[in-house]
C-alpha atoms as a PDB file:
ATOM      1  CA  UNK A   1      -0.993   7.517 -22.507  1.00  0.00           C
ATOM      2  CA  UNK A   2      -2.729  10.876 -22.781  1.00  0.00           C
ATOM      3  CA  UNK A   3      -1.511  13.850 -20.764  1.00  0.00           C
ATOM      4  CA  UNK A   4      -3.619  16.149 -18.588  1.00  0.00           C
ATOM      5  CA  UNK A   5      -3.706  19.904 -18.218  1.00  0.00           C
ATOM      6  CA  UNK A   6      -3.404  21.569 -14.786  1.00  0.00           C
ATOM      7  CA  UNK A   7      -6.669  21.333 -12.832  1.00  0.00           C
ATOM      8  CA  UNK A   8      -8.353  19.352 -15.584  1.00  0.00           C
ATOM      9  CA  UNK A   9     -11.542  17.693 -14.378  1.00  0.00           C
ATOM     10  CA  UNK A  10     -11.192  13.960 -13.826  1.00  0.00           C
ATOM     11  CA  UNK A  11     -13.154  11.240 -12.047  1.00  0.00           C
ATOM     12  CA  UNK A  12     -12.433   8.523  -9.507  1.00  0.00           C
ATOM     13  CA  UNK A  13     -14.078   5.486 -11.129  1.00  0.00           C
ATOM     14  CA  UNK A  14     -14.240   1.741 -10.461  1.00  0.00           C
ATOM     15  CA  UNK A  15     -13.601  -1.365 -12.527  1.00  0.00           C
ATOM     16  CA  UNK A  16     -16.861  -3.233 -12.949  1.00  0.00           C
ATOM     17  CA  UNK A  17     -18.949  -0.246 -11.908  1.00  0.00           C
ATOM     18  CA  UNK A  18     -18.226   2.604 -14.302  1.00  0.00           C
ATOM     19  CA  UNK A  19     -17.949   3.014 -18.057  1.00  0.00           C
ATOM     20  CA  UNK A  20     -15.265   5.026 -19.814  1.00  0.00           C
ATOM     21  CA  UNK A  21     -17.783   5.824 -22.541  1.00  0.00           C
ATOM     22  CA  UNK A  22     -20.155   7.322 -19.961  1.00  0.00           C
ATOM     23  CA  UNK A  23     -17.368   9.375 -18.420  1.00  0.00           C
ATOM     24  CA  UNK A  24     -16.291  10.652 -21.825  1.00  0.00           C
ATOM     25  CA  UNK A  25     -19.926  11.578 -22.447  1.00  0.00           C
ATOM     26  CA  UNK A  26     -19.685  13.959 -19.474  1.00  0.00           C
ATOM     27  CA  UNK A  27     -16.704  15.665 -21.069  1.00  0.00           C
ATOM     28  CA  UNK A  28     -14.174  13.905 -18.813  1.00  0.00           C
ATOM     29  CA  UNK A  29     -11.037  12.370 -20.305  1.00  0.00           C
ATOM     30  CA  UNK A  30      -8.905  11.508 -17.294  1.00  0.00           C
ATOM     31  CA  UNK A  31      -9.177   9.982 -13.857  1.00  0.00           C
ATOM     32  CA  UNK A  32      -8.243   7.371 -11.282  1.00  0.00           C
ATOM     33  CA  UNK A  33      -9.159   3.689 -11.538  1.00  0.00           C
ATOM     34  CA  UNK A  34     -10.234   1.855  -8.387  1.00  0.00           C
ATOM     35  CA  UNK A  35      -9.753  -1.906  -8.148  1.00  0.00           C
ATOM     36  CA  UNK A  36     -11.743  -3.817  -5.524  1.00  0.00           C
ATOM     37  CA  UNK A  37     -10.021  -6.539  -3.534  1.00  0.00           C
ATOM     38  CA  UNK A  38     -11.761  -9.450  -5.220  1.00  0.00           C
ATOM     39  CA  UNK A  39     -10.831  -8.491  -8.783  1.00  0.00           C
ATOM     40  CA  UNK A  40      -8.450 -10.940 -10.463  1.00  0.00           C
ATOM     41  CA  UNK A  41      -5.505  -9.032 -11.925  1.00  0.00           C
ATOM     42  CA  UNK A  42      -4.943 -11.322 -14.895  1.00  0.00           C
ATOM     43  CA  UNK A  43      -2.998 -10.502 -18.039  1.00  0.00           C
ATOM     44  CA  UNK A  44      -6.315 -10.533 -19.925  1.00  0.00           C
ATOM     45  CA  UNK A  45      -7.805  -7.992 -17.503  1.00  0.00           C
ATOM     46  CA  UNK A  46      -4.792  -5.728 -17.965  1.00  0.00           C
ATOM     47  CA  UNK A  47      -4.936  -6.061 -21.756  1.00  0.00           C
ATOM     48  CA  UNK A  48      -8.652  -5.193 -21.692  1.00  0.00           C
ATOM     49  CA  UNK A  49      -8.054  -2.027 -19.706  1.00  0.00           C
ATOM     50  CA  UNK A  50      -5.046  -0.973 -21.748  1.00  0.00           C
ATOM     51  CA  UNK A  51      -7.091  -1.306 -24.945  1.00  0.00           C
ATOM     52  CA  UNK A  52     -10.069   0.582 -23.467  1.00  0.00           C
ATOM     53  CA  UNK A  53      -7.907   3.480 -22.294  1.00  0.00           C
ATOM     54  CA  UNK A  54      -6.329   3.737 -25.739  1.00  0.00           C
ATOM     55  CA  UNK A  55      -9.678   3.491 -27.536  1.00  0.00           C
ATOM     56  CA  UNK A  56     -11.208   6.295 -25.479  1.00  0.00           C
ATOM     57  CA  UNK A  57      -7.988   8.351 -25.348  1.00  0.00           C
ATOM     58  CA  UNK A  58      -8.385   8.413 -21.587  1.00  0.00           C
ATOM     59  CA  UNK A  59      -5.525   9.519 -19.325  1.00  0.00           C
ATOM     60  CA  UNK A  60      -5.097   7.402 -16.209  1.00  0.00           C
ATOM     61  CA  UNK A  61      -3.605   9.221 -13.226  1.00  0.00           C
ATOM     62  CA  UNK A  62      -3.617   6.490 -10.590  1.00  0.00           C
ATOM     63  CA  UNK A  63      -4.662   2.915  -9.901  1.00  0.00           C
ATOM     64  CA  UNK A  64      -6.244   2.713  -6.435  1.00  0.00           C
ATOM     65  CA  UNK A  65      -6.115  -0.457  -4.377  1.00  0.00           C
ATOM     66  CA  UNK A  66      -9.032  -1.434  -2.151  1.00  0.00           C
ATOM     67  CA  UNK A  67      -8.940  -4.560  -0.017  1.00  0.00           C
ATOM     68  CA  UNK A  68     -11.321  -7.344   0.937  1.00  0.00           C
ATOM     69  CA  UNK A  69     -12.690  -6.920   4.439  1.00  0.00           C
ATOM     70  CA  UNK A  70     -12.476  -3.130   4.670  1.00  0.00           C
ATOM     71  CA  UNK A  71     -15.439  -1.434   6.346  1.00  0.00           C
ATOM     72  CA  UNK A  72     -16.030   2.325   6.589  1.00  0.00           C
ATOM     73  CA  UNK A  73     -19.088   2.208   8.875  1.00  0.00           C
ATOM     74  CA  UNK A  74     -17.567   4.408  11.600  1.00  0.00           C
ATOM     75  CA  UNK A  75     -14.151   5.428  12.928  1.00  0.00           C
ATOM     76  CA  UNK A  76     -13.595   2.417  15.249  1.00  0.00           C
ATOM     77  CA  UNK A  77     -14.497   0.055  12.402  1.00  0.00           C
ATOM     78  CA  UNK A  78     -12.123   1.845  10.040  1.00  0.00           C
ATOM     79  CA  UNK A  79      -9.362   1.505  12.638  1.00  0.00           C
ATOM     80  CA  UNK A  80      -9.966  -2.251  12.857  1.00  0.00           C
ATOM     81  CA  UNK A  81     -10.401  -3.072   9.173  1.00  0.00           C
ATOM     82  CA  UNK A  82      -8.823  -0.581   6.768  1.00  0.00           C
ATOM     83  CA  UNK A  83      -5.452  -0.621   5.062  1.00  0.00           C
ATOM     84  CA  UNK A  84      -2.183  -2.014   6.404  1.00  0.00           C
ATOM     85  CA  UNK A  85      -2.931  -1.468  10.099  1.00  0.00           C
ATOM     86  CA  UNK A  86      -4.844  -4.725  10.825  1.00  0.00           C
ATOM     87  CA  UNK A  87      -2.126  -7.257  11.605  1.00  0.00           C
ATOM     88  CA  UNK A  88      -4.063 -10.322  10.431  1.00  0.00           C
ATOM     89  CA  UNK A  89      -4.418  -9.030   6.867  1.00  0.00           C
ATOM     90  CA  UNK A  90      -1.277  -6.887   6.571  1.00  0.00           C
ATOM     91  CA  UNK A  91       0.906  -9.303   4.604  1.00  0.00           C
ATOM     92  CA  UNK A  92      -1.900 -10.220   2.192  1.00  0.00           C
ATOM     93  CA  UNK A  93      -2.740  -6.586   1.535  1.00  0.00           C
ATOM     94  CA  UNK A  94       0.862  -5.579   0.977  1.00  0.00           C
ATOM     95  CA  UNK A  95       1.197  -8.435  -1.529  1.00  0.00           C
ATOM     96  CA  UNK A  96      -2.005  -7.270  -3.224  1.00  0.00           C
ATOM     97  CA  UNK A  97      -0.608  -3.738  -3.474  1.00  0.00           C
ATOM     98  CA  UNK A  98       2.496  -5.070  -5.200  1.00  0.00           C
ATOM     99  CA  UNK A  99       0.188  -6.820  -7.667  1.00  0.00           C
ATOM    100  CA  UNK A 100      -1.641  -3.524  -8.216  1.00  0.00           C
ATOM    101  CA  UNK A 101       1.714  -1.944  -9.027  1.00  0.00           C
ATOM    102  CA  UNK A 102       2.431  -4.695 -11.581  1.00  0.00           C
ATOM    103  CA  UNK A 103      -1.026  -4.200 -13.096  1.00  0.00           C
ATOM    104  CA  UNK A 104      -0.558  -0.418 -13.249  1.00  0.00           C
ATOM    105  CA  UNK A 105       2.718  -0.913 -15.100  1.00  0.00           C
ATOM    106  CA  UNK A 106       1.003  -3.137 -17.678  1.00  0.00           C
ATOM    107  CA  UNK A 107      -1.626  -0.509 -18.480  1.00  0.00           C
ATOM    108  CA  UNK A 108       0.726   2.467 -18.347  1.00  0.00           C
ATOM    109  CA  UNK A 109      -0.440   4.186 -15.145  1.00  0.00           C
ATOM    110  CA  UNK A 110       2.202   6.432 -13.537  1.00  0.00           C
ATOM    111  CA  UNK A 111       1.142   5.814  -9.951  1.00  0.00           C
ATOM    112  CA  UNK A 112      -0.708   3.672  -7.433  1.00  0.00           C
ATOM    113  CA  UNK A 113      -2.497   4.620  -4.210  1.00  0.00           C
ATOM    114  CA  UNK A 114      -4.452   3.294  -1.238  1.00  0.00           C
ATOM    115  CA  UNK A 115      -5.667   3.978   2.274  1.00  0.00           C
ATOM    116  CA  UNK A 116      -3.056   2.515   4.631  1.00  0.00           C
ATOM    117  CA  UNK A 117      -5.288   3.041   7.672  1.00  0.00           C
ATOM    118  CA  UNK A 118      -4.825   5.111  10.819  1.00  0.00           C
ATOM    119  CA  UNK A 119      -1.099   5.776  11.291  1.00  0.00           C
ATOM    120  CA  UNK A 120      -0.327   5.640  15.050  1.00  0.00           C
ATOM    121  CA  UNK A 121       0.875   8.917  16.563  1.00  0.00           C
ATOM    122  CA  UNK A 122       3.551   7.087  18.573  1.00  0.00           C
ATOM    123  CA  UNK A 123       6.522   6.470  16.285  1.00  0.00           C
ATOM    124  CA  UNK A 124       7.698   3.658  18.597  1.00  0.00           C
ATOM    125  CA  UNK A 125       4.400   1.796  18.294  1.00  0.00           C
ATOM    126  CA  UNK A 126       5.022  -1.689  16.772  1.00  0.00           C
ATOM    127  CA  UNK A 127       2.246  -1.129  14.231  1.00  0.00           C
ATOM    128  CA  UNK A 128       3.793   2.195  13.217  1.00  0.00           C
ATOM    129  CA  UNK A 129       7.141   0.510  12.626  1.00  0.00           C
ATOM    130  CA  UNK A 130       5.650  -2.448  10.744  1.00  0.00           C
ATOM    131  CA  UNK A 131       3.499  -0.267   8.508  1.00  0.00           C
ATOM    132  CA  UNK A 132       6.468   2.008   7.833  1.00  0.00           C
ATOM    133  CA  UNK A 133       8.416  -1.018   6.564  1.00  0.00           C
ATOM    134  CA  UNK A 134       5.442  -2.162   4.492  1.00  0.00           C
ATOM    135  CA  UNK A 135       5.168   1.240   2.831  1.00  0.00           C
ATOM    136  CA  UNK A 136       8.894   1.200   2.112  1.00  0.00           C
ATOM    137  CA  UNK A 137       8.460  -2.219   0.468  1.00  0.00           C
ATOM    138  CA  UNK A 138       5.657  -0.943  -1.767  1.00  0.00           C
ATOM    139  CA  UNK A 139       7.596   2.222  -2.628  1.00  0.00           C
ATOM    140  CA  UNK A 140      10.668   0.233  -3.631  1.00  0.00           C
ATOM    141  CA  UNK A 141       8.576  -2.107  -5.779  1.00  0.00           C
ATOM    142  CA  UNK A 142       6.742   0.777  -7.467  1.00  0.00           C
ATOM    143  CA  UNK A 143      10.028   2.602  -8.077  1.00  0.00           C
ATOM    144  CA  UNK A 144      11.123  -0.183 -10.402  1.00  0.00           C
ATOM    145  CA  UNK A 145       8.380   0.981 -12.768  1.00  0.00           C
ATOM    146  CA  UNK A 146       8.968   4.686 -12.157  1.00  0.00           C
ATOM    147  CA  UNK A 147       5.673   4.864 -10.252  1.00  0.00           C
ATOM    148  CA  UNK A 148       4.639   6.985  -7.315  1.00  0.00           C
ATOM    149  CA  UNK A 149       2.872   5.424  -4.329  1.00  0.00           C
ATOM    150  CA  UNK A 150       0.286   7.841  -2.906  1.00  0.00           C
ATOM    151  CA  UNK A 151      -1.337   7.623   0.516  1.00  0.00           C
ATOM    152  CA  UNK A 152      -4.844   9.004   0.895  1.00  0.00           C
ATOM    153  CA  UNK A 153      -5.314  11.738   3.492  1.00  0.00           C
ATOM    154  CA  UNK A 154      -7.867  11.993   6.242  1.00  0.00           C
ATOM    155  CA  UNK A 155      -7.403   9.239   8.796  1.00  0.00           C
ATOM    156  CA  UNK A 156      -4.751  11.141  10.729  1.00  0.00           C
ATOM    157  CA  UNK A 157      -3.827  14.830  11.134  1.00  0.00           C
ATOM    158  CA  UNK A 158      -1.576  16.324   8.487  1.00  0.00           C
ATOM    159  CA  UNK A 159       1.336  16.719  10.914  1.00  0.00           C
ATOM    160  CA  UNK A 160       1.244  13.000  11.775  1.00  0.00           C
ATOM    161  CA  UNK A 161       1.256  12.073   8.100  1.00  0.00           C
ATOM    162  CA  UNK A 162       4.141  14.453   7.452  1.00  0.00           C
ATOM    163  CA  UNK A 163       6.217  12.824  10.201  1.00  0.00           C
ATOM    164  CA  UNK A 164       5.442   9.413   8.720  1.00  0.00           C
ATOM    165  CA  UNK A 165       6.718  10.607   5.327  1.00  0.00           C
ATOM    166  CA  UNK A 166       9.982  11.718   6.889  1.00  0.00           C
ATOM    167  CA  UNK A 167      10.402   8.337   8.568  1.00  0.00           C
ATOM    168  CA  UNK A 168       9.605   6.311   5.443  1.00  0.00           C
ATOM    169  CA  UNK A 169      12.194   8.338   3.511  1.00  0.00           C
ATOM    170  CA  UNK A 170      11.316   7.227  -0.001  1.00  0.00           C
ATOM    171  CA  UNK A 171      11.370   9.776  -2.851  1.00  0.00           C
ATOM    172  CA  UNK A 172       8.391   8.244  -4.679  1.00  0.00           C
ATOM    173  CA  UNK A 173       6.057   8.316  -1.658  1.00  0.00           C
ATOM    174  CA  UNK A 174       3.328  10.864  -2.343  1.00  0.00           C
ATOM    175  CA  UNK A 175      -0.111  12.018  -1.198  1.00  0.00           C
ATOM    176  CA  UNK A 176      -3.508  11.770  -2.804  1.00  0.00           C
ATOM    177  CA  UNK A 177      -5.141  14.707  -1.033  1.00  0.00           C
ATOM    178  CA  UNK A 178      -8.826  14.306  -0.207  1.00  0.00           C
ATOM    179  CA  UNK A 179     -10.189  17.465   1.456  1.00  0.00           C
ATOM    180  CA  UNK A 180     -13.480  15.862   2.469  1.00  0.00           C
ATOM    181  CA  UNK A 181     -11.732  13.073   4.364  1.00  0.00           C
ATOM    182  CA  UNK A 182     -10.083  15.586   6.681  1.00  0.00           C
ATOM    183  CA  UNK A 183     -13.603  16.719   7.579  1.00  0.00           C
ATOM    184  CA  UNK A 184     -15.302  13.302   7.631  1.00  0.00           C
ATOM    185  CA  UNK A 185     -12.720  11.960  10.107  1.00  0.00           C
ATOM    186  CA  UNK A 186     -12.519  15.230  12.033  1.00  0.00           C
ATOM    187  CA  UNK A 187      -8.734  15.418  11.640  1.00  0.00           C
ATOM    188  CA  UNK A 188      -8.227  19.044  10.652  1.00  0.00           C
ATOM    189  CA  UNK A 189      -8.990  21.951   8.387  1.00  0.00           C
ATOM    190  CA  UNK A 190      -8.460  20.730   4.807  1.00  0.00           C
ATOM    191  CA  UNK A 191      -7.098  24.004   3.457  1.00  0.00           C
ATOM    192  CA  UNK A 192      -4.434  24.278   6.154  1.00  0.00           C
ATOM    193  CA  UNK A 193      -3.602  20.580   5.728  1.00  0.00           C
ATOM    194  CA  UNK A 194      -3.203  21.047   1.981  1.00  0.00           C
ATOM    195  CA  UNK A 195      -0.750  23.903   2.496  1.00  0.00           C
ATOM    196  CA  UNK A 196       1.305  21.813   4.945  1.00  0.00           C
ATOM    197  CA  UNK A 197       1.391  18.711   2.756  1.00  0.00           C
ATOM    198  CA  UNK A 198       1.698  20.547  -0.583  1.00  0.00           C
ATOM    199  CA  UNK A 199       5.240  19.364  -1.486  1.00  0.00           C
ATOM    200  CA  UNK A 200       4.074  15.742  -1.393  1.00  0.00           C
ATOM    201  CA  UNK A 201       0.705  16.060  -3.178  1.00  0.00           C
ATOM    202  CA  UNK A 202       0.659  14.261  -6.527  1.00  0.00           C
ATOM    203  CA  UNK A 203      -3.109  13.894  -6.991  1.00  0.00           C
ATOM    204  CA  UNK A 204      -6.343  15.104  -5.397  1.00  0.00           C
ATOM    205  CA  UNK A 205      -9.943  14.120  -4.923  1.00  0.00           C
ATOM    206  CA  UNK A 206     -12.638  16.696  -5.482  1.00  0.00           C
ATOM    207  CA  UNK A 207     -15.007  15.529  -2.745  1.00  0.00           C
ATOM    208  CA  UNK A 208     -17.191  17.248  -0.174  1.00  0.00           C
ATOM    209  CA  UNK A 209     -18.640  16.444   3.221  1.00  0.00           C
ATOM    210  CA  UNK A 210     -19.729  17.653   6.642  1.00  0.00           C
ATOM    211  CA  UNK A 211     -18.076  17.243  10.047  1.00  0.00           C
ATOM    212  CA  UNK A 212     -18.939  14.324  12.357  1.00  0.00           C
ATOM    213  CA  UNK A 213     -21.835  14.968  14.789  1.00  0.00           C
ATOM    214  CA  UNK A 214     -20.473  16.169  18.122  1.00  0.00           C
ATOM    215  CA  UNK A 215     -22.957  14.085  20.113  1.00  0.00           C
ATOM    216  CA  UNK A 216     -21.935  10.758  18.486  1.00  0.00           C
ATOM    217  CA  UNK A 217     -18.368   9.774  19.464  1.00  0.00           C
ATOM    218  CA  UNK A 218     -16.744   7.588  16.820  1.00  0.00           C
ATOM    219  CA  UNK A 219     -19.136   8.577  14.058  1.00  0.00           C
ATOM    220  CA  UNK A 220     -17.883   9.676  10.682  1.00  0.00           C
ATOM    221  CA  UNK A 221     -19.055  12.834   9.009  1.00  0.00           C
ATOM    222  CA  UNK A 222     -21.399  12.716   6.028  1.00  0.00           C
ATOM    223  CA  UNK A 223     -20.275  12.838   2.408  1.00  0.00           C
ATOM    224  CA  UNK A 224     -22.149  15.438   0.337  1.00  0.00           C
ATOM    225  CA  UNK A 225     -22.442  16.240  -3.365  1.00  0.00           C
ATOM    226  CA  UNK A 226     -19.613  18.526  -4.450  1.00  0.00           C
ATOM    227  CA  UNK A 227     -20.204  22.114  -3.372  1.00  0.00           C
ATOM    228  CA  UNK A 228     -22.855  21.173  -0.787  1.00  0.00           C
ATOM    229  CA  UNK A 229     -20.573  20.306   2.134  1.00  0.00           C
ATOM    230  CA  UNK A 230     -18.120  22.045   4.446  1.00  0.00           C
ATOM    231  CA  UNK A 231     -14.924  21.875   2.348  1.00  0.00           C
ATOM    232  CA  UNK A 232     -15.403  25.161   0.517  1.00  0.00           C
ATOM    233  CA  UNK A 233     -14.647  23.927  -2.986  1.00  0.00           C
ATOM    234  CA  UNK A 234     -13.890  27.358  -4.515  1.00  0.00           C
ATOM    235  CA  UNK A 235     -11.290  27.991  -1.792  1.00  0.00           C
ATOM    236  CA  UNK A 236      -9.903  24.475  -2.235  1.00  0.00           C
ATOM    237  CA  UNK A 237      -9.420  25.009  -5.982  1.00  0.00           C
ATOM    238  CA  UNK A 238      -7.909  28.457  -5.376  1.00  0.00           C
ATOM    239  CA  UNK A 239      -5.452  26.957  -2.879  1.00  0.00           C
ATOM    240  CA  UNK A 240      -4.447  24.275  -5.379  1.00  0.00           C
ATOM    241  CA  UNK A 241      -3.587  27.076  -7.788  1.00  0.00           C
ATOM    242  CA  UNK A 242      -1.598  28.862  -5.076  1.00  0.00           C
ATOM    243  CA  UNK A 243       0.556  25.829  -4.302  1.00  0.00           C
ATOM    244  CA  UNK A 244       1.239  25.180  -7.982  1.00  0.00           C
ATOM    245  CA  UNK A 245      -0.675  21.916  -8.255  1.00  0.00           C
ATOM    246  CA  UNK A 246      -0.508  20.787 -11.884  1.00  0.00           C
ATOM    247  CA  UNK A 247      -2.499  17.562 -12.195  1.00  0.00           C
ATOM    248  CA  UNK A 248      -6.216  16.760 -12.372  1.00  0.00           C
ATOM    249  CA  UNK A 249      -9.167  17.361 -10.047  1.00  0.00           C
ATOM    250  CA  UNK A 250     -10.617  13.872  -9.647  1.00  0.00           C
ATOM    251  CA  UNK A 251     -14.261  13.923  -8.614  1.00  0.00           C
ATOM    252  CA  UNK A 252     -15.018  11.212  -6.060  1.00  0.00           C
ATOM    253  CA  UNK A 253     -18.600  10.424  -5.125  1.00  0.00           C
ATOM    254  CA  UNK A 254     -19.379   7.260  -3.180  1.00  0.00           C
ATOM    255  CA  UNK A 255     -23.121   6.918  -2.772  1.00  0.00           C
ATOM    256  CA  UNK A 256     -25.963   4.652  -3.837  1.00  0.00           C
ATOM    257  CA  UNK A 257     -27.853   4.080  -6.018  1.00  0.00           C
ATOM    258  CA  UNK A 258     -25.607   4.314  -9.060  1.00  0.00           C
ATOM    259  CA  UNK A 259     -27.896   6.674 -10.980  1.00  0.00           C
ATOM    260  CA  UNK A 260     -27.748   9.194  -8.124  1.00  0.00           C
ATOM    261  CA  UNK A 261     -23.962   8.853  -7.979  1.00  0.00           C
ATOM    262  CA  UNK A 262     -23.634   9.480 -11.720  1.00  0.00           C
ATOM    263  CA  UNK A 263     -25.979  12.480 -11.528  1.00  0.00           C
ATOM    264  CA  UNK A 264     -23.871  13.935  -8.697  1.00  0.00           C
ATOM    265  CA  UNK A 265     -20.673  13.402 -10.693  1.00  0.00           C
ATOM    266  CA  UNK A 266     -22.226  15.085 -13.717  1.00  0.00           C
ATOM    267  CA  UNK A 267     -23.238  18.044 -11.551  1.00  0.00           C
ATOM    268  CA  UNK A 268     -19.710  18.219 -10.110  1.00  0.00           C
ATOM    269  CA  UNK A 269     -18.194  18.347 -13.602  1.00  0.00           C
ATOM    270  CA  UNK A 270     -20.259  21.445 -14.294  1.00  0.00           C
ATOM    271  CA  UNK A 271     -19.351  23.011 -10.949  1.00  0.00           C
ATOM    272  CA  UNK A 272     -15.610  22.567 -11.453  1.00  0.00           C
ATOM    273  CA  UNK A 273     -15.761  23.935 -14.989  1.00  0.00           C
ATOM    274  CA  UNK A 274     -16.902  27.249 -13.540  1.00  0.00           C
ATOM    275  CA  UNK A 275     -14.040  27.470 -11.030  1.00  0.00           C
ATOM    276  CA  UNK A 276     -11.023  27.351 -13.337  1.00  0.00           C
END
């Protein structure tokens, strides 16, 4: 597996959607691989990805798990459908995450990640306790491979996430820090959150967005092309340098159609190259 240099530009890309050859054509040689819930994690699929990564000399930072049935339409829908919080799908999704860990080990990825959903503020809440045990289970499984398990930021304030980390008490539990998510969910200033969570940050998304509209309770903010939202990307990159972050800046852009998404990623690659 290839290594990355501090603050090297990477991309969050998806199996079945993106091409390593196209990413390499942008000058990118590292990133995070997203796996949708319906993808069969067969030995053949793992062998295919391992060969492709080797052929393109592409460094994989993380394998991200997404789950069937998740919906990011608005905040109430996210609360009902995303991650480990929904009780009806919790066991299936935890099992899927363990399979993602097995898959990541087969292709040589050092870590896995996901959205676990909105962590309750009340540490005595039954869902808080159940999700805490689920995260411990995933951490212990991933530790057998020497992997980290990263939780994506944004769906709760940084202080709540920090308390959850203390309660889980697993050394390989980490954070994939997404500054735009803090804004999109209205959960706090991303720069201050990054400083608070810095000791746990193992990977980051380079993503931008604007705050939720004040006159629409429950609405999410709007994702924007990198540099065109409210994050303040130059300050974000400068803060990463200040805290000693040493891994890649993984551009995430989730929009349609695909040609617009790719154009926005290409633009972001150029933007980040001027900030290092």
